[in-house]
Amino acid sequence: MKLGVFTPIFGQLNFDEMIEKVSSLGLEAVEIGTGGSPGDSHLKIDELLASSEKRSEYLAKLEDKGLTISALSAHHNPISPDPAVRKEADELLRKTIELASKMNVPVVNGFSGTGGGNETDTHMNWPVVHWPTEYYDAYNYQWEKLLIPYWKDINNVAESAGVKIGIEMHGGFMVHTPYTMLKLRAACGDAIGANLDPSHMWWQGIDPVAAVKILGEKNAIHHFHAKDTFIDQDNVNLHGLTDMQPYADVKNRSWYFRSVGCGHDVKTWSDIISALRVQGYDYVLSIEHEDSLMSVDEGMNRAITNLRSVIIKDQPVDVFWA
């Protein structure tokens, strides 16, 4: 396994400054946004698609710093009920897959998206309960008319390009649990898999070790985000886990994101890493810093220190003792 970083946290730095910073931290990989939620501070997709020379120069700079690209990330909403957003997200994802193929990047990350509740709905609708039955009608509409048709097509595009899709299971989007992840994969194809982020499992009440096992048994883990979550049980008792308090209001939130080891102990993270190894994941642990209590530097250094204490880098020895 390798340690990497999701680079939007260094959005104030240009590309050259960013890779210098990442290299100084002793990391080995970068996950780079191409637009949408991560922004495009470190990669201009149209420029790179248009020029093989610029692609070669870009990759050479990374190689000179001992870095590889673990994934290109196009987090957006490709099934949005807003036609302009839907078009922008779809175009970005398709371009990102094309660029990943041209640059030998194996994974493109993103969200599954959330549509409206029916054909005339103009706002996103995230149904998560079976009753009243209008929610279940919306759920079925989104899966049958929006989600599966769209991602079946993207699966084919990705397969043709030799690229895997890592969907981040995130509340607010249709794919947010291991079950919904595998449901989409079964309907659309094996190019579709997970960008597994334990932080989003914890706040939904899902054990990340169990999530690793469930997804790993289906070879459905394509990428991994290293981010933690703190659960404030007193606030859970007040608000529940589907908490609408602002992210900045950590004092009153039911949960909030933390650097690795600050929400759950290092033993818990060791169990997650070990489960990844058992399931055959031997790729990048991409640190995502969204800790509202720490600066970027402090949060990154804490995450790096804690992950280095549990990461499994070498291949196991033969079982010589049995």
C-alpha atoms as a PDB file:
ATOM      1  CA  MET A   1       0.000   0.000   0.000  1.00  0.00           C
ATOM      2  CA  LYS A   2       0.994   3.624  -0.518  1.00  0.00           C
ATOM      3  CA  LEU A   3       0.084   6.881   1.192  1.00  0.00           C
ATOM      4  CA  GLY A   4      -1.317   9.682  -0.912  1.00  0.00           C
ATOM      5  CA  VAL A   5      -3.412  12.819  -0.632  1.00  0.00           C
ATOM      6  CA  PHE A   6      -6.509  14.302  -2.217  1.00  0.00           C
ATOM      7  CA  THR A   7      -5.040  17.626  -3.342  1.00  0.00           C
ATOM      8  CA  PRO A   8      -7.929  20.186  -3.050  1.00  0.00           C
ATOM      9  CA  ILE A   9      -6.593  20.968   0.440  1.00  0.00           C
ATOM     10  CA  PHE A  10      -3.652  22.608  -1.348  1.00  0.00           C
ATOM     11  CA  GLY A  11      -5.897  24.562  -3.699  1.00  0.00           C
ATOM     12  CA  GLN A  12      -4.099  27.815  -2.854  1.00  0.00           C
ATOM     13  CA  LEU A  13      -0.908  26.369  -4.346  1.00  0.00           C
ATOM     14  CA  ASN A  14      -0.233  26.004  -8.051  1.00  0.00           C
ATOM     15  CA  PHE A  15       0.607  22.578  -9.462  1.00  0.00           C
ATOM     16  CA  ASP A  16       4.373  22.908  -9.051  1.00  0.00           C
ATOM     17  CA  GLU A  17       4.033  24.200  -5.495  1.00  0.00           C
ATOM     18  CA  MET A  18       1.546  21.462  -4.668  1.00  0.00           C
ATOM     19  CA  ILE A  19       3.734  18.583  -5.785  1.00  0.00           C
ATOM     20  CA  GLU A  20       6.683  20.120  -3.949  1.00  0.00           C
ATOM     21  CA  LYS A  21       4.568  20.230  -0.792  1.00  0.00           C
ATOM     22  CA  VAL A  22       3.317  16.668  -1.200  1.00  0.00           C
ATOM     23  CA  SER A  23       6.821  15.392  -1.861  1.00  0.00           C
ATOM     24  CA  SER A  24       8.118  17.148   1.253  1.00  0.00           C
ATOM     25  CA  LEU A  25       5.545  15.234   3.300  1.00  0.00           C
ATOM     26  CA  GLY A  26       7.001  11.946   2.061  1.00  0.00           C
ATOM     27  CA  LEU A  27       3.826  10.891   0.257  1.00  0.00           C
ATOM     28  CA  GLU A  28       3.810   8.755  -2.861  1.00  0.00           C
ATOM     29  CA  ALA A  29       0.577   9.559  -4.695  1.00  0.00           C
ATOM     30  CA  VAL A  30      -1.844  12.353  -5.483  1.00  0.00           C
ATOM     31  CA  GLU A  31      -5.558  12.257  -6.233  1.00  0.00           C
ATOM     32  CA  ILE A  32      -6.319  15.264  -8.407  1.00  0.00           C
ATOM     33  CA  GLY A  33      -9.617  17.009  -9.077  1.00  0.00           C
ATOM     34  CA  THR A  34     -10.641  17.770 -12.643  1.00  0.00           C
ATOM     35  CA  GLY A  35     -13.583  20.030 -11.754  1.00  0.00           C
ATOM     36  CA  GLY A  36     -16.890  19.824  -9.902  1.00  0.00           C
ATOM     37  CA  SER A  37     -16.643  19.730  -6.093  1.00  0.00           C
ATOM     38  CA  PRO A  38     -12.833  19.241  -5.940  1.00  0.00           C
ATOM     39  CA  GLY A  39     -12.238  22.081  -8.395  1.00  0.00           C
ATOM     40  CA  ASP A  40      -9.453  22.086 -10.966  1.00  0.00           C
ATOM     41  CA  SER A  41      -6.667  24.038  -9.238  1.00  0.00           C
ATOM     42  CA  HIS A  42      -4.049  21.468 -10.219  1.00  0.00           C
ATOM     43  CA  LEU A  43      -5.294  20.199 -13.562  1.00  0.00           C
ATOM     44  CA  LYS A  44      -6.871  21.944 -16.559  1.00  0.00           C
ATOM     45  CA  ILE A  45      -8.609  19.118 -18.309  1.00  0.00           C
ATOM     46  CA  ASP A  46      -9.142  20.666 -21.732  1.00  0.00           C
ATOM     47  CA  GLU A  47      -5.496  21.714 -21.965  1.00  0.00           C
ATOM     48  CA  LEU A  48      -4.246  18.233 -21.153  1.00  0.00           C
ATOM     49  CA  LEU A  49      -6.733  16.486 -23.413  1.00  0.00           C
ATOM     50  CA  ALA A  50      -5.621  18.669 -26.309  1.00  0.00           C
ATOM     51  CA  SER A  51      -1.869  18.111 -26.009  1.00  0.00           C
ATOM     52  CA  SER A  52       0.132  14.925 -25.587  1.00  0.00           C
ATOM     53  CA  GLU A  53       3.181  17.128 -25.001  1.00  0.00           C
ATOM     54  CA  LYS A  54       1.516  18.838 -22.038  1.00  0.00           C
ATOM     55  CA  ARG A  55       0.407  15.470 -20.657  1.00  0.00           C
ATOM     56  CA  SER A  56       3.961  14.170 -20.863  1.00  0.00           C
ATOM     57  CA  GLU A  57       5.315  17.299 -19.186  1.00  0.00           C
ATOM     58  CA  TYR A  58       2.698  17.030 -16.415  1.00  0.00           C
ATOM     59  CA  LEU A  59       3.508  13.386 -15.700  1.00  0.00           C
ATOM     60  CA  ALA A  60       7.246  14.036 -15.866  1.00  0.00           C
ATOM     61  CA  LYS A  61       6.972  16.632 -13.117  1.00  0.00           C
ATOM     62  CA  LEU A  62       5.166  14.130 -10.910  1.00  0.00           C
ATOM     63  CA  GLU A  63       7.687  11.395 -11.654  1.00  0.00           C
ATOM     64  CA  ASP A  64      10.541  13.774 -10.824  1.00  0.00           C
ATOM     65  CA  LYS A  65       9.034  14.128  -7.330  1.00  0.00           C
ATOM     66  CA  GLY A  66       8.494  10.396  -6.958  1.00  0.00           C
ATOM     67  CA  LEU A  67       4.712  10.753  -7.276  1.00  0.00           C
ATOM     68  CA  THR A  68       2.005   8.940  -9.184  1.00  0.00           C
ATOM     69  CA  ILE A  69      -1.663   9.817  -9.726  1.00  0.00           C
ATOM     70  CA  SER A  70      -3.875   7.415  -7.788  1.00  0.00           C
ATOM     71  CA  ALA A  71      -7.097   8.781  -9.299  1.00  0.00           C
ATOM     72  CA  LEU A  72      -8.639  11.688 -11.131  1.00  0.00           C
ATOM     73  CA  SER A  73     -11.694  12.977  -9.305  1.00  0.00           C
ATOM     74  CA  ALA A  74     -14.797  14.455 -10.903  1.00  0.00           C
ATOM     75  CA  HIS A  75     -17.192  14.666  -7.955  1.00  0.00           C
ATOM     76  CA  HIS A  76     -20.433  16.141  -9.315  1.00  0.00           C
ATOM     77  CA  ASN A  77     -24.092  15.231  -9.910  1.00  0.00           C
ATOM     78  CA  PRO A  78     -24.515  13.643 -13.342  1.00  0.00           C
ATOM     79  CA  ILE A  79     -28.221  12.844 -12.811  1.00  0.00           C
ATOM     80  CA  SER A  80     -29.187  16.240 -11.400  1.00  0.00           C
ATOM     81  CA  PRO A  81     -32.726  17.477 -12.134  1.00  0.00           C
ATOM     82  CA  ASP A  82     -31.102  20.751 -13.240  1.00  0.00           C
ATOM     83  CA  PRO A  83     -30.272  20.271 -16.959  1.00  0.00           C
ATOM     84  CA  ALA A  84     -27.299  22.634 -16.822  1.00  0.00           C
ATOM     85  CA  VAL A  85     -25.745  20.849 -13.838  1.00  0.00           C
ATOM     86  CA  ARG A  86     -26.473  17.442 -15.349  1.00  0.00           C
ATOM     87  CA  LYS A  87     -24.805  18.413 -18.638  1.00  0.00           C
ATOM     88  CA  GLU A  88     -21.773  19.912 -16.939  1.00  0.00           C
ATOM     89  CA  ALA A  89     -21.304  16.865 -14.684  1.00  0.00           C
ATOM     90  CA  ASP A  90     -21.723  14.371 -17.511  1.00  0.00           C
ATOM     91  CA  GLU A  91     -19.273  16.186 -19.781  1.00  0.00           C
ATOM     92  CA  LEU A  92     -16.747  16.457 -16.974  1.00  0.00           C
ATOM     93  CA  LEU A  93     -16.967  12.752 -16.132  1.00  0.00           C
ATOM     94  CA  ARG A  94     -16.584  11.653 -19.747  1.00  0.00           C
ATOM     95  CA  LYS A  95     -13.619  13.969 -20.283  1.00  0.00           C
ATOM     96  CA  THR A  96     -12.044  12.741 -17.052  1.00  0.00           C
ATOM     97  CA  ILE A  97     -12.354   9.120 -18.132  1.00  0.00           C
ATOM     98  CA  GLU A  98     -10.765   9.999 -21.478  1.00  0.00           C
ATOM     99  CA  LEU A  99      -7.902  11.854 -19.803  1.00  0.00           C
ATOM    100  CA  ALA A 100      -7.341   9.063 -17.279  1.00  0.00           C
ATOM    101  CA  SER A 101      -7.014   6.624 -20.162  1.00  0.00           C
ATOM    102  CA  LYS A 102      -4.527   8.861 -21.970  1.00  0.00           C
ATOM    103  CA  MET A 103      -2.436   9.346 -18.810  1.00  0.00           C
ATOM    104  CA  ASN A 104      -2.607   5.712 -17.588  1.00  0.00           C
ATOM    105  CA  VAL A 105      -4.486   6.679 -14.431  1.00  0.00           C
ATOM    106  CA  PRO A 106      -6.443   3.573 -13.388  1.00  0.00           C
ATOM    107  CA  VAL A 107      -9.332   5.153 -11.444  1.00  0.00           C
ATOM    108  CA  VAL A 108     -11.806   8.009 -11.839  1.00  0.00           C
ATOM    109  CA  ASN A 109     -13.640   8.978  -8.652  1.00  0.00           C
ATOM    110  CA  GLY A 110     -16.980  10.713  -8.211  1.00  0.00           C
ATOM    111  CA  PHE A 111     -20.475  10.634  -6.763  1.00  0.00           C
ATOM    112  CA  SER A 112     -23.367   8.547  -8.070  1.00  0.00           C
ATOM    113  CA  GLY A 113     -25.602  11.616  -8.125  1.00  0.00           C
ATOM    114  CA  THR A 114     -29.156  12.279  -7.010  1.00  0.00           C
ATOM    115  CA  GLY A 115     -32.056  13.179  -9.256  1.00  0.00           C
ATOM    116  CA  GLY A 116     -35.499  14.585  -8.773  1.00  0.00           C
ATOM    117  CA  GLY A 117     -38.323  12.487  -7.403  1.00  0.00           C
ATOM    118  CA  ASN A 118     -40.172  12.328 -10.727  1.00  0.00           C
ATOM    119  CA  GLU A 119     -39.950  13.537 -14.318  1.00  0.00           C
ATOM    120  CA  THR A 120     -41.113  17.069 -13.512  1.00  0.00           C
ATOM    121  CA  ASP A 121     -39.216  17.570 -10.255  1.00  0.00           C
ATOM    122  CA  THR A 122     -36.781  20.495 -10.335  1.00  0.00           C
ATOM    123  CA  HIS A 123     -34.963  19.788  -7.057  1.00  0.00           C
ATOM    124  CA  MET A 124     -32.849  16.903  -5.766  1.00  0.00           C
ATOM    125  CA  ASN A 125     -34.759  14.304  -3.766  1.00  0.00           C
ATOM    126  CA  TRP A 126     -32.918  11.842  -1.511  1.00  0.00           C
ATOM    127  CA  PRO A 127     -35.431   9.166  -0.436  1.00  0.00           C
ATOM    128  CA  VAL A 128     -34.213   7.095   2.518  1.00  0.00           C
ATOM    129  CA  VAL A 129     -37.427   5.709   4.003  1.00  0.00           C
ATOM    130  CA  HIS A 130     -39.948   3.277   2.540  1.00  0.00           C
ATOM    131  CA  TRP A 131     -43.034   5.026   3.851  1.00  0.00           C
ATOM    132  CA  PRO A 132     -44.891   7.259   3.078  1.00  0.00           C
ATOM    133  CA  THR A 133     -44.932   5.414  -0.220  1.00  0.00           C
ATOM    134  CA  GLU A 134     -44.254   8.563  -2.254  1.00  0.00           C
ATOM    135  CA  TYR A 135     -40.640   8.248  -1.107  1.00  0.00           C
ATOM    136  CA  TYR A 136     -40.437   4.702  -2.406  1.00  0.00           C
ATOM    137  CA  ASP A 137     -41.958   5.795  -5.705  1.00  0.00           C
ATOM    138  CA  ALA A 138     -39.249   8.450  -5.978  1.00  0.00           C
ATOM    139  CA  TYR A 139     -36.579   5.894  -5.070  1.00  0.00           C
ATOM    140  CA  ASN A 140     -37.711   3.480  -7.786  1.00  0.00           C
ATOM    141  CA  TYR A 141     -37.965   6.267 -10.351  1.00  0.00           C
ATOM    142  CA  GLN A 142     -34.426   7.397  -9.676  1.00  0.00           C
ATOM    143  CA  TRP A 143     -32.929   3.918  -9.837  1.00  0.00           C
ATOM    144  CA  GLU A 144     -34.858   2.643 -12.842  1.00  0.00           C
ATOM    145  CA  LYS A 145     -35.062   5.783 -14.965  1.00  0.00           C
ATOM    146  CA  LEU A 146     -31.965   7.740 -13.999  1.00  0.00           C
ATOM    147  CA  LEU A 147     -29.249   5.957 -12.063  1.00  0.00           C
ATOM    148  CA  ILE A 148     -29.004   2.569 -13.750  1.00  0.00           C
ATOM    149  CA  PRO A 149     -29.347   3.792 -17.362  1.00  0.00           C
ATOM    150  CA  TYR A 150     -26.749   6.503 -16.825  1.00  0.00           C
ATOM    151  CA  TRP A 151     -24.157   4.388 -15.051  1.00  0.00           C
ATOM    152  CA  LYS A 152     -24.628   1.419 -17.356  1.00  0.00           C
ATOM    153  CA  ASP A 153     -23.526   3.698 -20.183  1.00  0.00           C
ATOM    154  CA  ILE A 154     -20.612   5.082 -18.139  1.00  0.00           C
ATOM    155  CA  ASN A 155     -19.556   1.538 -17.228  1.00  0.00           C
ATOM    156  CA  ASN A 156     -19.240   0.753 -20.930  1.00  0.00           C
ATOM    157  CA  VAL A 157     -17.306   3.970 -21.584  1.00  0.00           C
ATOM    158  CA  ALA A 158     -14.948   3.230 -18.700  1.00  0.00           C
ATOM    159  CA  GLU A 159     -14.402  -0.387 -19.754  1.00  0.00           C
ATOM    160  CA  SER A 160     -13.534   0.732 -23.278  1.00  0.00           C
ATOM    161  CA  ALA A 161     -11.064   3.231 -21.840  1.00  0.00           C
ATOM    162  CA  GLY A 162      -9.490   0.701 -19.465  1.00  0.00           C
ATOM    163  CA  VAL A 163     -10.488   2.789 -16.446  1.00  0.00           C
ATOM    164  CA  LYS A 164     -12.298   1.911 -13.216  1.00  0.00           C
ATOM    165  CA  ILE A 165     -14.913   4.143 -11.597  1.00  0.00           C
ATOM    166  CA  GLY A 166     -14.669   4.752  -7.840  1.00  0.00           C
ATOM    167  CA  ILE A 167     -18.006   5.993  -6.540  1.00  0.00           C
ATOM    168  CA  GLU A 168     -17.774   7.638  -3.133  1.00  0.00           C
ATOM    169  CA  MET A 169     -20.599   6.336  -0.955  1.00  0.00           C
ATOM    170  CA  HIS A 170     -21.810   9.636   0.442  1.00  0.00           C
ATOM    171  CA  GLY A 171     -25.036  10.586   2.195  1.00  0.00           C
ATOM    172  CA  GLY A 172     -27.257  12.762   0.026  1.00  0.00           C
ATOM    173  CA  PHE A 173     -26.524  10.668  -3.075  1.00  0.00           C
ATOM    174  CA  MET A 174     -28.252   7.510  -4.241  1.00  0.00           C
ATOM    175  CA  VAL A 175     -25.190   5.334  -3.682  1.00  0.00           C
ATOM    176  CA  HIS A 176     -24.292   5.849  -0.043  1.00  0.00           C
ATOM    177  CA  THR A 177     -24.032   2.344   1.493  1.00  0.00           C
ATOM    178  CA  PRO A 178     -22.376  -0.957   0.576  1.00  0.00           C
ATOM    179  CA  TYR A 179     -25.808  -2.285  -0.437  1.00  0.00           C
ATOM    180  CA  THR A 180     -26.527   0.566  -2.852  1.00  0.00           C
ATOM    181  CA  MET A 181     -22.974   0.335  -4.187  1.00  0.00           C
ATOM    182  CA  LEU A 182     -23.320  -3.353  -5.001  1.00  0.00           C
ATOM    183  CA  LYS A 183     -26.832  -2.852  -6.355  1.00  0.00           C
ATOM    184  CA  LEU A 184     -25.502  -0.350  -8.890  1.00  0.00           C
ATOM    185  CA  ARG A 185     -22.498  -2.506  -9.749  1.00  0.00           C
ATOM    186  CA  ALA A 186     -24.693  -5.573 -10.335  1.00  0.00           C
ATOM    187  CA  ALA A 187     -26.970  -3.594 -12.641  1.00  0.00           C
ATOM    188  CA  CYS A 188     -24.271  -1.746 -14.578  1.00  0.00           C
ATOM    189  CA  GLY A 189     -21.017  -3.679 -14.664  1.00  0.00           C
ATOM    190  CA  ASP A 190     -17.707  -4.354 -12.952  1.00  0.00           C
ATOM    191  CA  ALA A 191     -16.026  -1.087 -13.994  1.00  0.00           C
ATOM    192  CA  ILE A 192     -18.235   0.445 -11.311  1.00  0.00           C
ATOM    193  CA  GLY A 193     -16.867   0.140  -7.777  1.00  0.00           C
ATOM    194  CA  ALA A 194     -16.292   2.081  -4.585  1.00  0.00           C
ATOM    195  CA  ASN A 195     -14.028   4.885  -3.520  1.00  0.00           C
ATOM    196  CA  LEU A 196     -14.408   3.738   0.076  1.00  0.00           C
ATOM    197  CA  ASP A 197     -14.304   6.524   2.661  1.00  0.00           C
ATOM    198  CA  PRO A 198     -14.740   5.229   6.237  1.00  0.00           C
ATOM    199  CA  SER A 199     -15.823   8.662   7.457  1.00  0.00           C
ATOM    200  CA  HIS A 200     -19.140   8.358   5.616  1.00  0.00           C
ATOM    201  CA  MET A 201     -19.686   4.865   6.914  1.00  0.00           C
ATOM    202  CA  TRP A 202     -19.306   5.874  10.552  1.00  0.00           C
ATOM    203  CA  TRP A 203     -21.866   8.659  10.480  1.00  0.00           C
ATOM    204  CA  GLN A 204     -24.404   6.307   8.885  1.00  0.00           C
ATOM    205  CA  GLY A 205     -23.855   3.702  11.625  1.00  0.00           C
ATOM    206  CA  ILE A 206     -21.905   1.323   9.347  1.00  0.00           C
ATOM    207  CA  ASP A 207     -18.766  -0.436  10.590  1.00  0.00           C
ATOM    208  CA  PRO A 208     -16.019   0.327   8.015  1.00  0.00           C
ATOM    209  CA  VAL A 209     -14.344  -3.043   8.608  1.00  0.00           C
ATOM    210  CA  ALA A 210     -17.612  -4.747   7.697  1.00  0.00           C
ATOM    211  CA  ALA A 211     -17.951  -2.456   4.667  1.00  0.00           C
ATOM    212  CA  VAL A 212     -14.472  -3.498   3.518  1.00  0.00           C
ATOM    213  CA  LYS A 213     -15.436  -7.163   3.808  1.00  0.00           C
ATOM    214  CA  ILE A 214     -18.783  -6.731   2.040  1.00  0.00           C
ATOM    215  CA  LEU A 215     -17.306  -4.786  -0.873  1.00  0.00           C
ATOM    216  CA  GLY A 216     -14.020  -6.667  -0.960  1.00  0.00           C
ATOM    217  CA  GLU A 217     -15.743 -10.015  -1.404  1.00  0.00           C
ATOM    218  CA  LYS A 218     -17.094  -8.615  -4.699  1.00  0.00           C
ATOM    219  CA  ASN A 219     -13.767  -7.019  -5.733  1.00  0.00           C
ATOM    220  CA  ALA A 220     -15.606  -3.721  -5.593  1.00  0.00           C
ATOM    221  CA  ILE A 221     -13.046  -1.487  -3.828  1.00  0.00           C
ATOM    222  CA  HIS A 222     -11.327   0.624  -6.480  1.00  0.00           C
ATOM    223  CA  HIS A 223      -9.906   3.410  -4.308  1.00  0.00           C
ATOM    224  CA  PHE A 224      -9.745   4.440  -0.648  1.00  0.00           C
ATOM    225  CA  HIS A 225     -10.095   7.758   1.184  1.00  0.00           C
ATOM    226  CA  ALA A 226      -8.418   8.067   4.587  1.00  0.00           C
ATOM    227  CA  LYS A 227     -10.643  10.314   6.688  1.00  0.00           C
ATOM    228  CA  ASP A 228     -12.118   9.956  10.170  1.00  0.00           C
ATOM    229  CA  THR A 229     -15.373  11.005  11.863  1.00  0.00           C
ATOM    230  CA  PHE A 230     -16.126  11.930  15.446  1.00  0.00           C
ATOM    231  CA  ILE A 231     -19.597  10.986  16.690  1.00  0.00           C
ATOM    232  CA  ASP A 232     -20.964  13.249  19.454  1.00  0.00           C
ATOM    233  CA  GLN A 233     -23.537  10.991  21.096  1.00  0.00           C
ATOM    234  CA  ASP A 234     -25.118  13.804  23.105  1.00  0.00           C
ATOM    235  CA  ASN A 235     -25.900  15.641  19.889  1.00  0.00           C
ATOM    236  CA  VAL A 236     -26.977  12.416  18.193  1.00  0.00           C
ATOM    237  CA  ASN A 237     -29.557  12.064  20.928  1.00  0.00           C
ATOM    238  CA  LEU A 238     -30.853  15.505  20.000  1.00  0.00           C
ATOM    239  CA  HIS A 239     -30.526  15.599  16.218  1.00  0.00           C
ATOM    240  CA  GLY A 240     -30.078  12.007  15.096  1.00  0.00           C
ATOM    241  CA  LEU A 241     -27.425  11.113  12.534  1.00  0.00           C
ATOM    242  CA  THR A 242     -29.077  12.875   9.595  1.00  0.00           C
ATOM    243  CA  ASP A 243     -27.977  16.162  11.102  1.00  0.00           C
ATOM    244  CA  MET A 244     -28.725  19.512   9.417  1.00  0.00           C
ATOM    245  CA  GLN A 245     -26.498  21.645  11.661  1.00  0.00           C
ATOM    246  CA  PRO A 246     -23.841  23.545   9.637  1.00  0.00           C
ATOM    247  CA  TYR A 247     -20.492  21.791   9.289  1.00  0.00           C
ATOM    248  CA  ALA A 248     -18.762  24.718  10.969  1.00  0.00           C
ATOM    249  CA  ASP A 249     -20.990  24.379  14.047  1.00  0.00           C
ATOM    250  CA  VAL A 250     -19.008  21.492  15.511  1.00  0.00           C
ATOM    251  CA  LYS A 251     -20.206  22.236  19.031  1.00  0.00           C
ATOM    252  CA  ASN A 252     -23.781  21.315  18.101  1.00  0.00           C
ATOM    253  CA  ARG A 253     -23.313  18.780  15.320  1.00  0.00           C
ATOM    254  CA  SER A 254     -23.992  15.062  15.785  1.00  0.00           C
ATOM    255  CA  TRP A 255     -20.818  14.239  13.902  1.00  0.00           C
ATOM    256  CA  TYR A 256     -17.961  15.964  12.152  1.00  0.00           C
ATOM    257  CA  PHE A 257     -14.947  14.938  10.138  1.00  0.00           C
ATOM    258  CA  ARG A 258     -11.548  14.465  11.798  1.00  0.00           C
ATOM    259  CA  SER A 259      -8.038  13.597  10.746  1.00  0.00           C
ATOM    260  CA  VAL A 260      -7.173   9.918  10.852  1.00  0.00           C
ATOM    261  CA  GLY A 261      -6.913   8.712  14.440  1.00  0.00           C
ATOM    262  CA  CYS A 262      -8.753  11.689  15.942  1.00  0.00           C
ATOM    263  CA  GLY A 263     -12.254  10.273  15.613  1.00  0.00           C
ATOM    264  CA  HIS A 264     -11.423   6.600  16.117  1.00  0.00           C
ATOM    265  CA  ASP A 265      -8.297   5.150  17.653  1.00  0.00           C
ATOM    266  CA  VAL A 266      -5.311   3.818  15.757  1.00  0.00           C
ATOM    267  CA  LYS A 267      -6.288   0.227  16.601  1.00  0.00           C
ATOM    268  CA  THR A 268      -9.551   0.768  14.724  1.00  0.00           C
ATOM    269  CA  TRP A 269      -7.627   2.104  11.750  1.00  0.00           C
ATOM    270  CA  SER A 270      -5.273  -0.859  11.949  1.00  0.00           C
ATOM    271  CA  ASP A 271      -8.302  -3.148  11.726  1.00  0.00           C
ATOM    272  CA  ILE A 272      -9.495  -1.304   8.600  1.00  0.00           C
ATOM    273  CA  ILE A 273      -6.089  -1.530   6.915  1.00  0.00           C
ATOM    274  CA  SER A 274      -5.802  -5.203   7.821  1.00  0.00           C
ATOM    275  CA  ALA A 275      -9.264  -5.865   6.377  1.00  0.00           C
ATOM    276  CA  LEU A 276      -8.191  -4.129   3.152  1.00  0.00           C
ATOM    277  CA  ARG A 277      -5.142  -6.408   2.970  1.00  0.00           C
ATOM    278  CA  VAL A 278      -7.266  -9.515   3.599  1.00  0.00           C
ATOM    279  CA  GLN A 279      -9.552  -8.488   0.732  1.00  0.00           C
ATOM    280  CA  GLY A 280      -6.637  -7.917  -1.636  1.00  0.00           C
ATOM    281  CA  TYR A 281      -6.569  -4.111  -1.710  1.00  0.00           C
ATOM    282  CA  ASP A 282      -2.948  -3.100  -2.201  1.00  0.00           C
ATOM    283  CA  TYR A 283      -3.319   0.394  -3.593  1.00  0.00           C
ATOM    284  CA  VAL A 284      -3.314   3.969  -2.290  1.00  0.00           C
ATOM    285  CA  LEU A 285      -4.700   5.309   0.992  1.00  0.00           C
ATOM    286  CA  SER A 286      -5.597   8.832  -0.130  1.00  0.00           C
ATOM    287  CA  ILE A 287      -5.742  11.264   2.798  1.00  0.00           C
ATOM    288  CA  GLU A 288      -8.645  13.692   2.632  1.00  0.00           C
ATOM    289  CA  HIS A 289      -8.378  16.577   5.092  1.00  0.00           C
ATOM    290  CA  GLU A 290     -11.735  18.022   6.159  1.00  0.00           C
ATOM    291  CA  ASP A 291     -10.992  18.453   9.867  1.00  0.00           C
ATOM    292  CA  SER A 292     -12.606  21.669  11.117  1.00  0.00           C
ATOM    293  CA  LEU A 293     -10.564  21.610  14.344  1.00  0.00           C
ATOM    294  CA  MET A 294      -7.104  21.484  12.759  1.00  0.00           C
ATOM    295  CA  SER A 295      -5.087  23.407  10.222  1.00  0.00           C
ATOM    296  CA  VAL A 296      -4.173  21.623   7.009  1.00  0.00           C
ATOM    297  CA  ASP A 297      -0.569  21.171   8.127  1.00  0.00           C
ATOM    298  CA  GLU A 298      -1.446  19.856  11.573  1.00  0.00           C
ATOM    299  CA  GLY A 299      -4.231  17.626  10.274  1.00  0.00           C
ATOM    300  CA  MET A 300      -2.086  16.196   7.490  1.00  0.00           C
ATOM    301  CA  ASN A 301       0.867  15.527   9.776  1.00  0.00           C
ATOM    302  CA  ARG A 302      -1.402  13.792  12.293  1.00  0.00           C
ATOM    303  CA  ALA A 303      -3.000  11.631   9.599  1.00  0.00           C
ATOM    304  CA  ILE A 304       0.351  10.736   8.062  1.00  0.00           C
ATOM    305  CA  THR A 305       1.862   9.798  11.419  1.00  0.00           C
ATOM    306  CA  ASN A 306      -1.096   7.634  12.395  1.00  0.00           C
ATOM    307  CA  LEU A 307      -1.401   5.918   9.015  1.00  0.00           C
ATOM    308  CA  ARG A 308       2.310   5.199   8.838  1.00  0.00           C
ATOM    309  CA  SER A 309       1.993   3.334  12.124  1.00  0.00           C
ATOM    310  CA  VAL A 310      -0.585   0.915  10.674  1.00  0.00           C
ATOM    311  CA  ILE A 311      -0.106   0.828   6.893  1.00  0.00           C
ATOM    312  CA  ILE A 312       0.919  -2.536   5.457  1.00  0.00           C
ATOM    313  CA  LYS A 313       3.472  -1.932   2.707  1.00  0.00           C
ATOM    314  CA  ASP A 314       5.305  -5.231   2.270  1.00  0.00           C
ATOM    315  CA  GLN A 315       3.930  -8.459   0.919  1.00  0.00           C
ATOM    316  CA  PRO A 316       3.264 -11.094   3.609  1.00  0.00           C
ATOM    317  CA  VAL A 317       5.696 -13.949   4.171  1.00  0.00           C
ATOM    318  CA  ASP A 318       4.781 -17.555   3.594  1.00  0.00           C
ATOM    319  CA  VAL A 319       3.102 -19.203   6.583  1.00  0.00           C
ATOM    320  CA  PHE A 320       6.310 -20.930   7.665  1.00  0.00           C
ATOM    321  CA  TRP A 321       4.978 -21.584  11.180  1.00  0.00           C
ATOM    322  CA  ALA A 322       2.214 -23.964  10.139  1.00  0.00           C
END
